[in-house]
Structure formats: C-alpha cells, structure tokens
N, C-alpha and C. Protein backbone atom coordinates (compact mmCIF):
# COMPACT_ATOMS: atom_id res chain seq x y z
N UNK A 1 6.65 -7.59 -13.46
CA UNK A 1 7.14 -7.61 -12.09
C UNK A 1 6.21 -6.73 -11.25
N UNK A 2 5.76 -7.27 -10.14
CA UNK A 2 4.90 -6.53 -9.23
C UNK A 2 5.69 -6.21 -7.96
N UNK A 3 5.80 -4.92 -7.64
CA UNK A 3 6.57 -4.47 -6.49
C UNK A 3 5.64 -3.76 -5.51
N UNK A 4 5.74 -4.15 -4.24
CA UNK A 4 4.98 -3.48 -3.19
C UNK A 4 5.94 -3.08 -2.07
N UNK A 5 5.88 -1.82 -1.69
CA UNK A 5 6.66 -1.31 -0.55
C UNK A 5 5.74 -1.26 0.65
N UNK A 6 6.08 -2.01 1.68
CA UNK A 6 5.39 -1.96 2.96
C UNK A 6 6.15 -0.97 3.82
N UNK A 7 5.49 0.11 4.21
CA UNK A 7 6.19 1.23 4.83
C UNK A 7 5.43 1.83 6.00
N UNK A 8 6.20 2.37 6.93
CA UNK A 8 5.64 3.21 8.00
C UNK A 8 6.16 4.64 7.85
N UNK A 9 6.89 4.89 6.76
CA UNK A 9 7.48 6.20 6.44
C UNK A 9 8.58 6.58 7.42
N UNK A 10 9.19 5.58 8.03
CA UNK A 10 10.35 5.82 8.89
C UNK A 10 11.55 6.16 8.00
N UNK A 11 12.67 6.59 8.57
CA UNK A 11 13.84 6.92 7.74
C UNK A 11 14.31 5.77 6.85
N UNK A 12 14.29 4.54 7.34
CA UNK A 12 14.72 3.42 6.50
C UNK A 12 13.72 3.19 5.35
N UNK A 13 12.44 3.36 5.64
CA UNK A 13 11.42 3.24 4.59
C UNK A 13 11.65 4.30 3.52
N UNK A 14 12.00 5.49 3.94
CA UNK A 14 12.23 6.58 3.01
C UNK A 14 13.43 6.30 2.09
N UNK A 15 14.44 5.63 2.63
CA UNK A 15 15.60 5.25 1.81
C UNK A 15 15.16 4.30 0.69
N UNK A 16 14.36 3.30 1.05
CA UNK A 16 13.91 2.34 0.05
C UNK A 16 13.03 3.02 -0.99
N UNK A 17 12.14 3.89 -0.55
CA UNK A 17 11.28 4.58 -1.50
C UNK A 17 12.09 5.47 -2.45
N UNK A 18 13.09 6.13 -1.93
CA UNK A 18 13.95 6.97 -2.78
C UNK A 18 14.66 6.11 -3.82
N UNK A 19 15.15 4.94 -3.42
CA UNK A 19 15.84 4.06 -4.36
C UNK A 19 14.88 3.51 -5.41
N UNK A 20 13.64 3.25 -5.02
CA UNK A 20 12.64 2.82 -6.00
C UNK A 20 12.43 3.90 -7.06
N UNK A 21 12.36 5.13 -6.62
CA UNK A 21 12.17 6.24 -7.55
C UNK A 21 13.40 6.42 -8.44
N UNK A 22 14.59 6.30 -7.87
CA UNK A 22 15.81 6.45 -8.66
C UNK A 22 15.94 5.36 -9.72
N UNK A 23 15.39 4.18 -9.42
CA UNK A 23 15.43 3.07 -10.38
C UNK A 23 14.26 3.14 -11.37
N UNK A 24 13.43 4.18 -11.25
CA UNK A 24 12.25 4.31 -12.10
C UNK A 24 11.36 3.08 -12.04
N UNK A 25 11.21 2.53 -10.86
CA UNK A 25 10.41 1.33 -10.67
C UNK A 25 8.95 1.71 -10.38
N UNK A 26 8.04 0.98 -11.00
CA UNK A 26 6.64 1.15 -10.67
C UNK A 26 6.35 0.27 -9.47
N UNK A 27 5.68 0.85 -8.46
CA UNK A 27 5.44 0.10 -7.24
C UNK A 27 4.18 0.58 -6.55
N UNK A 28 3.64 -0.28 -5.73
CA UNK A 28 2.50 0.05 -4.89
C UNK A 28 3.01 0.27 -3.48
N UNK A 29 2.25 1.03 -2.70
CA UNK A 29 2.61 1.31 -1.31
C UNK A 29 1.53 0.73 -0.40
N UNK A 30 1.98 0.03 0.64
CA UNK A 30 1.07 -0.46 1.67
C UNK A 30 1.53 0.11 3.01
N UNK A 31 0.65 0.86 3.65
CA UNK A 31 0.98 1.49 4.93
C UNK A 31 0.30 0.79 6.10
N UNK A 32 -0.36 -0.33 5.82
CA UNK A 32 -1.13 -1.06 6.82
C UNK A 32 -0.21 -1.98 7.63
N UNK A 33 0.02 -1.64 8.88
CA UNK A 33 0.91 -2.42 9.74
C UNK A 33 0.39 -3.85 9.91
N UNK A 34 -0.93 -4.02 9.92
CA UNK A 34 -1.49 -5.36 10.05
C UNK A 34 -1.12 -6.25 8.86
N UNK A 35 -0.98 -5.65 7.68
CA UNK A 35 -0.56 -6.42 6.50
C UNK A 35 0.89 -6.89 6.67
N UNK A 36 1.72 -6.04 7.25
CA UNK A 36 3.11 -6.42 7.52
C UNK A 36 3.13 -7.60 8.49
N UNK A 37 2.32 -7.53 9.53
CA UNK A 37 2.25 -8.62 10.51
C UNK A 37 1.74 -9.90 9.87
N UNK A 38 0.78 -9.80 8.95
CA UNK A 38 0.25 -10.98 8.25
C UNK A 38 1.34 -11.69 7.46
N UNK A 39 2.32 -10.92 6.99
CA UNK A 39 3.44 -11.51 6.24
C UNK A 39 4.45 -12.17 7.17
N UNK A 40 4.27 -11.98 8.49
CA UNK A 40 5.16 -12.60 9.46
C UNK A 40 6.31 -11.72 9.92
N UNK A 41 6.19 -10.42 9.69
CA UNK A 41 7.26 -9.48 10.06
C UNK A 41 6.72 -8.48 11.09
N UNK A 42 7.62 -7.94 11.88
CA UNK A 42 7.24 -6.97 12.90
C UNK A 42 7.83 -5.59 12.67
N UNK A 43 8.54 -5.42 11.55
CA UNK A 43 9.14 -4.12 11.28
C UNK A 43 9.10 -3.82 9.78
N UNK A 44 9.28 -2.57 9.48
CA UNK A 44 9.31 -2.10 8.10
C UNK A 44 10.65 -1.41 7.88
N UNK A 45 11.06 -1.24 6.67
CA UNK A 45 10.35 -1.52 5.43
C UNK A 45 10.48 -2.97 5.00
N UNK A 46 9.51 -3.36 4.19
CA UNK A 46 9.58 -4.62 3.45
C UNK A 46 9.36 -4.28 2.00
N UNK A 47 10.04 -5.01 1.15
CA UNK A 47 9.84 -4.84 -0.28
C UNK A 47 9.45 -6.20 -0.84
N UNK A 48 8.26 -6.28 -1.39
CA UNK A 48 7.80 -7.53 -1.98
C UNK A 48 7.89 -7.40 -3.49
N UNK A 49 8.66 -8.30 -4.09
CA UNK A 49 8.83 -8.32 -5.53
C UNK A 49 8.30 -9.66 -6.00
N UNK A 50 7.18 -9.61 -6.70
CA UNK A 50 6.45 -10.82 -7.07
C UNK A 50 6.15 -11.60 -5.78
N UNK A 51 6.76 -12.76 -5.59
CA UNK A 51 6.50 -13.55 -4.38
C UNK A 51 7.66 -13.52 -3.39
N UNK A 52 8.69 -12.73 -3.67
CA UNK A 52 9.87 -12.65 -2.81
C UNK A 52 9.76 -11.42 -1.90
N UNK A 53 10.08 -11.61 -0.62
CA UNK A 53 10.03 -10.49 0.34
C UNK A 53 11.44 -10.17 0.81
N UNK A 54 11.79 -8.88 0.74
CA UNK A 54 13.11 -8.41 1.15
C UNK A 54 12.97 -7.48 2.34
N UNK A 55 13.83 -7.67 3.33
CA UNK A 55 13.94 -6.71 4.43
C UNK A 55 14.87 -5.59 3.98
N UNK A 56 15.12 -4.64 4.84
CA UNK A 56 15.86 -3.43 4.46
C UNK A 56 17.18 -3.73 3.75
N UNK A 57 18.02 -4.54 4.35
CA UNK A 57 19.35 -4.80 3.77
C UNK A 57 19.23 -5.44 2.39
N UNK A 58 18.43 -6.48 2.28
CA UNK A 58 18.31 -7.17 1.00
C UNK A 58 17.58 -6.33 -0.04
N UNK A 59 16.65 -5.50 0.41
CA UNK A 59 15.95 -4.60 -0.51
C UNK A 59 16.94 -3.61 -1.11
N UNK A 60 17.86 -3.11 -0.30
CA UNK A 60 18.90 -2.21 -0.81
C UNK A 60 19.75 -2.88 -1.88
N UNK A 61 20.16 -4.09 -1.62
CA UNK A 61 20.98 -4.83 -2.58
C UNK A 61 20.20 -5.04 -3.88
N UNK A 62 18.95 -5.47 -3.76
CA UNK A 62 18.13 -5.72 -4.94
C UNK A 62 17.93 -4.44 -5.75
N UNK A 63 17.63 -3.34 -5.05
CA UNK A 63 17.39 -2.08 -5.74
C UNK A 63 18.65 -1.53 -6.40
N UNK A 64 19.80 -1.71 -5.78
CA UNK A 64 21.06 -1.28 -6.40
C UNK A 64 21.28 -2.04 -7.71
N UNK A 65 21.01 -3.34 -7.71
CA UNK A 65 21.16 -4.14 -8.94
C UNK A 65 20.16 -3.70 -10.00
N UNK A 66 18.91 -3.46 -9.58
CA UNK A 66 17.89 -3.03 -10.53
C UNK A 66 18.27 -1.71 -11.19
N UNK A 67 18.73 -0.76 -10.38
CA UNK A 67 19.13 0.54 -10.94
C UNK A 67 20.30 0.38 -11.90
N UNK A 68 21.27 -0.43 -11.53
CA UNK A 68 22.42 -0.66 -12.39
C UNK A 68 21.99 -1.29 -13.72
N UNK A 69 21.11 -2.27 -13.67
CA UNK A 69 20.61 -2.90 -14.89
C UNK A 69 19.89 -1.89 -15.78
N UNK A 70 19.07 -1.05 -15.18
CA UNK A 70 18.31 -0.08 -15.95
C UNK A 70 19.22 1.01 -16.48
N UNK A 71 20.23 1.41 -15.73
CA UNK A 71 21.18 2.41 -16.22
C UNK A 71 21.97 1.87 -17.41
N UNK A 72 22.36 0.60 -17.33
CA UNK A 72 23.14 -0.01 -18.41
C UNK A 72 22.30 -0.24 -19.65
N UNK A 73 21.00 -0.40 -19.48
CA UNK A 73 20.11 -0.61 -20.62
C UNK A 73 19.87 0.67 -21.41
N UNK A 74 20.10 1.82 -20.77
CA UNK A 74 19.86 3.12 -21.43
C UNK A 74 21.08 3.65 -22.06
C-alpha cells in the first residue's frame, strides 16, 4: 500500500498526520500545492492511498478503520 499525504500543515492536515502516526502507517509527504491542483483539488489535506484520493472527512474514516484493524491484529 502506498500512502501520500498532501499537506499545507494546516490544523486539519496536522490531524491527518497525527492519525497516520497513530496507525503506524508508512507514508510520504507532499507539500507542493501545485501537485494538489494537478489532482483537481483546491484544498488540503488529501490522502492518496494507492489510486484512491480521500479528502479530510473520508481520510479520517479510512484512518480510523486502519488503526482499528492494526490494533486488532496485535
């Protein structure tokens, strides 16, 4: 699984990054606003998981599930 966080380090971006860390997820960070625009979005955060792109709300849902799965596996 390849995860990329598109961030401007705003408070919402920080929430997503904190949840990535809590889920022990390996991820890349992209701070380039032009890359966000190339994806067709005008705001951050975005979370790209493989070929799926999540905005803030859906990224939170996805990360909550990931953390729960990883917690249950341990």
